């Protein structure tokens, strides 16, 4: 049974109710990757402890690349970052665990010094580990020991996140499965929400460009570690390695399908358009599962400049999102089963063609949503208020 209702946006009564009882808050599901949503997540956890976050495990740059090369594993940096953004930082949580998991090795120390510090963490003599009570301390040391034993002799610890090393050790300790260690990690930091990867497969992201060339690796698309692309991205797909340009299919796991089906609202949030959002929609079954959920779906375009959308207008990006969803759900699937709202700051909303919106039965919500200090970014509280009001 489907019920429609009139909305007040933002709805102060609804928002206040959620703030008083966040443990009973709505289930907002985000198809997200990267760090763009972390600020919003830190606000959101004060209103609901039931949000779900599907994170892409395809990052091929930074510290994630170092771990992927060493252990042939999925990328874990973004999922660790979201777990920490949703962690309970109050005295009711585990602040000493949060402090350890947030710690990074210095970038200027010698490798011998860094290995000595790691040994102190594994052995239990480091101040950050001694501050944690048992049995949590023992669980953490166990994962770190698995990492330390498997660590290649030439592994570079400079700037390494302790949280990432714990996740890597837990991955190795659990037969190369991410779900068990993500569950343990979330309990240790008391994550106020559910965070997992879209798929456990250790794959890489590739893009076919308008000049018919192919680039492989998320790091090659974002414009952060290499020069931005000069040709438009036409489509993205998954490959088995950085050396392969052959597309591979991967199923959308049943547990993730359940998260999508039970969501009160599905959000396609701001972030890098292809590597953070569209990559999450590649597994087979994502679009079909979204279409089965009758609750609202909202797209929030990124503000500012996204190197991955070079040469692609906001209207075209919207159409590409719809097309990607219909590739899986079926070309004849009504758009309203996949997307209902486009929520954007008033300065950006003016870019959208209202005739296009009407054709696809989409409603454009335009409002002052940016931060006073940075017009290129959404204000987390304002955005959370609108999302909560749509549930």
Protein backbone atom coordinates (compact mmCIF):
# COMPACT_ATOMS: atom_id res chain seq x y z
CA UNK A 1 0.00 0.00 0.00
CA UNK A 2 1.32 3.43 -0.93
CA UNK A 3 0.27 6.59 0.89
CA UNK A 4 0.95 10.14 -0.27
CA UNK A 5 1.15 13.13 2.04
CA UNK A 6 1.77 16.85 1.89
CA UNK A 7 5.27 17.91 2.87
CA UNK A 8 6.56 20.88 4.79
CA UNK A 9 10.21 21.41 3.88
CA UNK A 10 12.04 21.86 6.13
CA UNK A 11 9.68 20.41 8.73
CA UNK A 12 10.78 21.70 12.21
CA UNK A 13 8.38 19.39 14.06
CA UNK A 14 9.65 16.26 12.33
CA UNK A 15 13.29 17.34 12.72
CA UNK A 16 12.81 18.03 16.46
CA UNK A 17 11.17 14.63 16.95
CA UNK A 18 14.11 12.85 15.32
CA UNK A 19 16.61 14.82 17.40
CA UNK A 20 14.89 13.77 20.64
CA UNK A 21 14.88 10.08 19.69
CA UNK A 22 17.66 9.47 17.13
CA UNK A 23 17.68 5.74 17.90
CA UNK A 24 14.20 5.65 16.34
CA UNK A 25 15.13 7.94 13.45
CA UNK A 26 14.45 7.21 9.78
CA UNK A 27 16.46 4.89 7.57
CA UNK A 28 18.17 7.12 5.00
CA UNK A 29 20.29 5.18 2.51
CA UNK A 30 23.19 6.83 0.66
CA UNK A 31 24.97 5.53 -2.44
CA UNK A 32 28.24 7.23 -1.64
CA UNK A 33 32.00 7.10 -1.72
CA UNK A 34 34.85 9.41 -0.86
CA UNK A 35 34.73 12.01 1.87
CA UNK A 36 32.15 14.46 0.47
CA UNK A 37 29.40 13.13 2.72
CA UNK A 38 31.41 12.91 5.95
CA UNK A 39 30.44 16.38 7.20
CA UNK A 40 26.79 15.63 6.53
CA UNK A 41 27.15 12.27 8.31
CA UNK A 42 28.54 13.96 11.43
CA UNK A 43 25.36 16.06 11.60
CA UNK A 44 23.01 13.26 10.59
CA UNK A 45 24.01 10.96 13.48
CA UNK A 46 22.42 13.43 15.92
CA UNK A 47 19.02 12.84 14.28
CA UNK A 48 19.06 9.16 13.33
CA UNK A 49 21.12 6.11 14.18
CA UNK A 50 19.56 4.14 11.33
CA UNK A 51 21.15 5.61 8.21
CA UNK A 52 22.81 3.19 5.78
CA UNK A 53 25.85 4.02 3.67
CA UNK A 54 26.97 1.97 0.66
CA UNK A 55 30.59 2.89 -0.10
CA UNK A 56 32.57 2.15 -3.25
CA UNK A 57 35.65 -0.08 -2.63
CA UNK A 58 37.35 0.82 -5.93
CA UNK A 59 39.71 3.64 -4.85
CA UNK A 60 43.15 3.23 -6.42
CA UNK A 61 44.95 6.25 -5.00
CA UNK A 62 46.54 7.42 -1.75
CA UNK A 63 46.99 5.07 1.20
CA UNK A 64 44.28 2.75 -0.16
CA UNK A 65 46.49 2.08 -3.19
CA UNK A 66 49.40 1.09 -0.93
CA UNK A 67 47.25 -1.47 0.90
CA UNK A 68 45.66 -2.75 -2.31
CA UNK A 69 49.05 -3.34 -3.91
CA UNK A 70 50.42 -5.06 -0.82
CA UNK A 71 47.49 -7.37 -0.08
CA UNK A 72 45.41 -7.57 -3.29
CA UNK A 73 42.29 -6.33 -1.51
CA UNK A 74 39.38 -3.88 -2.00
CA UNK A 75 39.91 -0.24 -1.03
CA UNK A 76 39.01 0.43 2.62
CA UNK A 77 40.00 4.07 3.18
CA UNK A 78 36.62 5.56 2.29
CA UNK A 79 34.58 3.07 4.32
CA UNK A 80 36.85 3.62 7.33
CA UNK A 81 36.42 7.38 6.94
CA UNK A 82 32.61 7.06 6.94
CA UNK A 83 32.64 4.72 9.95
CA UNK A 84 34.61 7.34 11.84
CA UNK A 85 32.30 10.17 10.71
CA UNK A 86 29.34 8.26 12.18
CA UNK A 87 31.15 7.15 15.35
CA UNK A 88 29.74 8.09 18.73
CA UNK A 89 32.18 10.75 19.93
CA UNK A 90 30.39 11.33 23.24
CA UNK A 91 31.36 9.81 26.58
CA UNK A 92 28.74 7.14 25.89
CA UNK A 93 30.89 5.93 23.01
CA UNK A 94 34.48 4.74 23.10
CA UNK A 95 36.62 7.91 22.81
CA UNK A 96 39.89 6.06 23.43
CA UNK A 97 39.14 3.67 20.54
CA UNK A 98 38.14 6.62 18.35
CA UNK A 99 41.46 8.33 19.15
CA UNK A 100 43.46 5.23 18.18
CA UNK A 101 41.54 4.59 14.96
CA UNK A 102 41.96 8.26 13.96
CA UNK A 103 45.72 8.24 14.53
CA UNK A 104 48.11 8.40 11.58
CA UNK A 105 51.79 7.63 11.60
CA UNK A 106 53.92 10.75 11.02
CA UNK A 107 55.09 11.43 7.49
CA UNK A 108 58.58 12.57 8.46
CA UNK A 109 59.79 9.77 10.78
CA UNK A 110 62.16 7.04 9.63
CA UNK A 111 60.79 3.64 8.66
CA UNK A 112 62.57 2.10 11.66
CA UNK A 113 60.81 4.55 13.99
CA UNK A 114 57.44 3.78 12.38
CA UNK A 115 57.97 0.04 12.69
CA UNK A 116 58.91 0.48 16.33
CA UNK A 117 55.67 2.40 16.91
CA UNK A 118 53.67 -0.33 15.16
CA UNK A 119 55.37 -2.95 17.32
CA UNK A 120 54.33 -0.99 20.41
CA UNK A 121 50.72 -1.03 19.26
CA UNK A 122 50.81 -4.75 18.54
CA UNK A 123 52.62 -5.56 21.77
CA UNK A 124 50.43 -3.37 23.96
CA UNK A 125 53.01 -0.83 25.18
CA UNK A 126 51.94 2.17 23.08
CA UNK A 127 49.96 4.80 25.08
CA UNK A 128 47.12 4.77 22.55
CA UNK A 129 46.59 1.05 22.98
CA UNK A 130 47.08 0.92 26.76
CA UNK A 131 44.27 3.48 27.13
CA UNK A 132 41.77 0.96 25.73
CA UNK A 133 40.24 -1.49 28.21
CA UNK A 134 40.09 -5.22 27.68
CA UNK A 135 38.64 -7.11 25.87
CA UNK A 136 38.50 -4.42 23.16
CA UNK A 137 42.25 -3.93 23.40
CA UNK A 138 42.89 -7.60 22.71
CA UNK A 139 40.58 -7.63 19.69
CA UNK A 140 42.36 -4.62 18.18
CA UNK A 141 45.82 -6.01 18.86
CA UNK A 142 44.85 -9.26 17.18
CA UNK A 143 43.91 -7.49 13.93
CA UNK A 144 47.07 -5.37 14.03
CA UNK A 145 49.18 -8.46 14.56
CA UNK A 146 47.73 -10.06 11.43
CA UNK A 147 48.66 -6.93 9.53
CA UNK A 148 52.18 -6.75 10.99
CA UNK A 149 52.94 -10.40 10.19
CA UNK A 150 51.69 -10.07 6.58
CA UNK A 151 53.22 -6.62 5.97
CA UNK A 152 55.77 -6.70 3.11
CA UNK A 153 59.32 -5.73 4.05
CA UNK A 154 59.16 -2.64 1.82
CA UNK A 155 55.71 -1.46 3.00
CA UNK A 156 55.67 2.31 3.47
CA UNK A 157 54.08 3.27 6.82
CA UNK A 158 54.49 7.02 6.33
CA UNK A 159 51.13 8.70 6.99
CA UNK A 160 49.37 5.35 7.35
CA UNK A 161 46.01 5.39 9.15
CA UNK A 162 45.86 2.99 12.11
CA UNK A 163 42.19 2.44 11.31
CA UNK A 164 43.12 1.29 7.80
CA UNK A 165 45.78 -1.08 9.15
CA UNK A 166 43.26 -2.61 11.57
CA UNK A 167 40.76 -3.11 8.75
CA UNK A 168 43.45 -4.64 6.54
CA UNK A 169 44.53 -7.01 9.31
CA UNK A 170 40.92 -7.97 9.98
CA UNK A 171 40.37 -8.61 6.27
CA UNK A 172 43.30 -11.03 6.24
CA UNK A 173 42.17 -12.56 9.55
CA UNK A 174 38.67 -13.27 8.23
CA UNK A 175 39.45 -15.22 5.07
CA UNK A 176 39.61 -12.04 2.99
CA UNK A 177 36.03 -11.05 3.81
CA UNK A 178 35.30 -7.43 4.66
CA UNK A 179 31.90 -7.82 6.32
CA UNK A 180 33.14 -9.42 9.59
CA UNK A 181 35.81 -6.80 10.27
CA UNK A 182 33.52 -3.91 9.26
CA UNK A 183 30.98 -5.21 11.77
CA UNK A 184 33.64 -5.43 14.51
CA UNK A 185 35.09 -2.02 13.65
CA UNK A 186 31.64 -0.41 13.81
CA UNK A 187 31.01 -1.93 17.24
CA UNK A 188 34.39 -0.81 18.56
CA UNK A 189 33.78 2.84 17.65
CA UNK A 190 30.02 2.57 18.25
CA UNK A 191 29.04 3.69 14.76
CA UNK A 192 25.61 5.35 14.81
CA UNK A 193 24.46 3.92 11.50
CA UNK A 194 25.25 1.09 9.10
CA UNK A 195 28.29 1.38 6.82
CA UNK A 196 29.41 -1.23 4.32
CA UNK A 197 30.92 -1.59 0.86
CA UNK A 198 28.74 -2.03 -2.22
CA UNK A 199 30.58 -5.24 -3.05
CA UNK A 200 33.37 -7.26 -1.44
CA UNK A 201 35.02 -7.84 -4.82
CA UNK A 202 38.53 -6.42 -5.32
CA UNK A 203 37.86 -4.62 -8.60
CA UNK A 204 38.97 -1.40 -10.27
CA UNK A 205 37.05 1.38 -11.96
CA UNK A 206 37.63 2.19 -15.63
CA UNK A 207 36.24 4.86 -17.93
CA UNK A 208 35.75 5.04 -21.68
CA UNK A 209 36.30 8.60 -22.91
CA UNK A 210 34.88 10.57 -25.81
CA UNK A 211 38.18 10.27 -27.71
CA UNK A 212 37.72 6.45 -27.57
CA UNK A 213 40.56 5.97 -25.10
CA UNK A 214 40.19 4.08 -21.80
CA UNK A 215 41.61 5.06 -18.43
CA UNK A 216 41.80 2.53 -15.61
CA UNK A 217 41.85 3.37 -11.91
CA UNK A 218 39.74 5.77 -9.90
CA UNK A 219 42.82 7.93 -9.27
CA UNK A 220 43.01 8.62 -13.02
CA UNK A 221 39.54 10.22 -13.09
CA UNK A 222 39.26 12.49 -10.06
CA UNK A 223 41.88 15.09 -11.05
CA UNK A 224 43.46 14.90 -7.59
CA UNK A 225 46.58 12.76 -8.10
CA UNK A 226 47.00 13.16 -11.85
CA UNK A 227 46.03 15.89 -14.30
CA UNK A 228 42.26 16.18 -14.91
CA UNK A 229 40.89 14.40 -17.97
CA UNK A 230 40.65 16.52 -21.11
CA UNK A 231 38.07 14.27 -22.81
CA UNK A 232 34.57 13.62 -21.50
CA UNK A 233 33.78 10.41 -19.68
CA UNK A 234 31.20 8.52 -21.75
CA UNK A 235 30.76 5.46 -19.54
CA UNK A 236 32.39 3.64 -16.64
CA UNK A 237 32.82 -0.06 -15.95
CA UNK A 238 34.66 -2.45 -13.64
CA UNK A 239 37.82 -4.41 -14.38
CA UNK A 240 39.82 -7.04 -12.51
CA UNK A 241 43.10 -5.08 -12.42
CA UNK A 242 44.77 -1.80 -13.31
CA UNK A 243 46.26 -3.53 -16.35
CA UNK A 244 42.92 -4.75 -17.76
CA UNK A 245 40.42 -2.90 -19.94
CA UNK A 246 37.97 -5.80 -20.13
CA UNK A 247 34.63 -5.10 -18.39
CA UNK A 248 33.44 -7.52 -15.73
CA UNK A 249 30.05 -7.91 -14.08
CA UNK A 250 29.54 -8.23 -10.33
CA UNK A 251 26.25 -9.05 -8.57
CA UNK A 252 24.70 -6.78 -5.96
CA UNK A 253 24.90 -8.86 -2.73
CA UNK A 254 21.62 -9.93 -1.12
CA UNK A 255 22.48 -8.20 2.18
CA UNK A 256 22.92 -4.89 0.36
CA UNK A 257 19.65 -5.45 -1.49
CA UNK A 258 17.92 -5.76 1.89
CA UNK A 259 19.34 -2.39 2.97
CA UNK A 260 17.95 -0.74 -0.15
CA UNK A 261 14.52 -2.34 0.17
CA UNK A 262 14.03 -1.21 3.78
CA UNK A 263 15.18 2.40 3.25
CA UNK A 264 12.72 5.20 4.07
CA UNK A 265 14.56 7.44 1.62
CA UNK A 266 17.25 6.73 -0.99
CA UNK A 267 19.77 9.47 -1.64
CA UNK A 268 22.17 9.94 -4.56
CA UNK A 269 24.38 12.42 -2.69
CA UNK A 270 27.01 15.00 -3.65
CA UNK A 271 30.51 13.78 -4.37
CA UNK A 272 32.58 12.88 -7.41
CA UNK A 273 29.89 12.01 -9.96
CA UNK A 274 31.41 8.92 -11.52
CA UNK A 275 33.88 7.50 -8.99
CA UNK A 276 31.67 8.07 -5.92
CA UNK A 277 28.06 7.92 -7.14
CA UNK A 278 27.81 6.13 -10.49
CA UNK A 279 30.36 3.49 -9.50
CA UNK A 280 28.00 2.42 -6.72
CA UNK A 281 25.29 1.71 -9.29
CA UNK A 282 27.38 -0.68 -11.43
CA UNK A 283 26.72 -4.02 -9.65
CA UNK A 284 23.97 -6.06 -11.30
CA UNK A 285 20.73 -5.69 -9.40
CA UNK A 286 21.18 -2.20 -7.96
CA UNK A 287 18.73 -0.42 -10.27
CA UNK A 288 16.19 -3.23 -10.05
CA UNK A 289 16.31 -3.22 -6.25
CA UNK A 290 15.93 0.56 -6.10
CA UNK A 291 12.84 0.34 -8.33
CA UNK A 292 11.26 -2.11 -5.88
CA UNK A 293 11.40 0.48 -3.08
CA UNK A 294 8.37 2.77 -3.21
CA UNK A 295 9.80 5.43 -0.91
CA UNK A 296 11.25 8.80 -2.05
CA UNK A 297 14.52 8.98 -3.97
CA UNK A 298 16.48 12.22 -4.19
CA UNK A 299 19.51 13.36 -6.21
CA UNK A 300 21.73 16.09 -4.76
CA UNK A 301 24.20 17.38 -7.38
CA UNK A 302 27.61 18.55 -6.25
CA UNK A 303 28.30 22.27 -6.21
CA UNK A 304 31.48 23.76 -7.57
CA UNK A 305 33.63 22.06 -10.19
CA UNK A 306 33.78 18.29 -10.58
CA UNK A 307 36.66 17.22 -12.89
CA UNK A 308 34.74 14.03 -13.68
CA UNK A 309 31.96 16.10 -15.27
CA UNK A 310 34.27 17.97 -17.64
CA UNK A 311 32.14 18.93 -20.66
CA UNK A 312 28.94 17.51 -19.12
CA UNK A 313 26.12 19.86 -18.12
CA UNK A 314 23.97 19.40 -14.99
CA UNK A 315 21.04 18.33 -17.19
CA UNK A 316 23.15 15.75 -18.99
CA UNK A 317 24.53 14.44 -15.69
CA UNK A 318 20.96 13.98 -14.47
CA UNK A 319 20.06 12.06 -17.64
CA UNK A 320 23.15 9.88 -17.26
CA UNK A 321 22.15 9.02 -13.71
CA UNK A 322 18.68 8.01 -14.88
CA UNK A 323 20.13 6.02 -17.79
CA UNK A 324 22.54 4.15 -15.50
CA UNK A 325 19.66 3.14 -13.21
CA UNK A 326 17.50 2.02 -16.14
CA UNK A 327 20.28 -0.10 -17.60
CA UNK A 328 19.71 -2.45 -14.70
CA UNK A 329 16.07 -1.81 -13.81
CA UNK A 330 14.95 -1.97 -17.46
CA UNK A 331 14.55 0.73 -20.10
CA UNK A 332 10.77 0.76 -19.68
CA UNK A 333 10.97 1.39 -15.90
CA UNK A 334 9.25 4.70 -15.09
CA UNK A 335 11.73 7.28 -13.86
CA UNK A 336 9.56 7.94 -10.81
CA UNK A 337 10.43 4.46 -9.51
CA UNK A 338 14.12 5.39 -9.57
CA UNK A 339 14.17 9.12 -8.81
CA UNK A 340 11.61 11.64 -7.54
CA UNK A 341 13.40 14.80 -6.40
CA UNK A 342 16.40 16.89 -7.37
CA UNK A 343 17.50 18.91 -4.34
CA UNK A 344 19.97 21.73 -4.98
CA UNK A 345 21.04 25.11 -3.75
CA UNK A 346 19.08 27.88 -5.44
CA UNK A 347 22.19 29.14 -7.26
CA UNK A 348 22.74 25.72 -8.86
CA UNK A 349 19.09 24.74 -9.35
CA UNK A 350 18.77 27.40 -12.04
CA UNK A 351 20.88 25.14 -14.30
CA UNK A 352 18.13 22.55 -14.65
CA UNK A 353 15.68 22.53 -17.54
CA UNK A 354 12.16 22.54 -16.09
CA UNK A 355 10.72 20.94 -19.23
CA UNK A 356 13.16 18.08 -18.79
CA UNK A 357 12.14 17.73 -15.16
CA UNK A 358 8.46 17.65 -16.13
CA UNK A 359 9.09 15.07 -18.85
CA UNK A 360 10.58 12.70 -16.27
CA UNK A 361 8.02 13.61 -13.58
CA UNK A 362 10.75 14.99 -11.32
CA UNK A 363 10.28 17.74 -8.75
CA UNK A 364 13.05 20.31 -8.36
CA UNK A 365 13.56 21.54 -4.80
CA UNK A 366 15.49 24.81 -4.84
CA UNK A 367 16.54 26.39 -1.54
CA UNK A 368 19.43 28.32 0.08
CA UNK A 369 21.54 25.34 1.11
CA UNK A 370 25.13 26.55 1.00
CA UNK A 371 27.42 27.43 3.85
CA UNK A 372 28.02 31.12 4.56
CA UNK A 373 31.74 30.47 4.63
CA UNK A 374 31.86 28.50 1.37
CA UNK A 375 29.34 28.97 -1.44
CA UNK A 376 30.73 25.91 -3.25
CA UNK A 377 29.68 23.51 -0.48
CA UNK A 378 26.38 22.55 1.08
CA UNK A 379 25.72 23.48 4.67
CA UNK A 380 25.46 20.05 6.39
CA UNK A 381 22.72 21.07 8.82
CA UNK A 382 20.55 22.63 6.11
CA UNK A 383 20.90 19.59 3.89
CA UNK A 384 20.13 17.17 6.73
CA UNK A 385 17.02 19.20 7.63
CA UNK A 386 15.67 18.82 4.09
CA UNK A 387 16.47 15.11 3.84
CA UNK A 388 14.81 14.36 7.18
CA UNK A 389 11.73 16.32 6.08
CA UNK A 390 11.38 14.16 2.95
CA UNK A 391 11.10 10.90 4.89
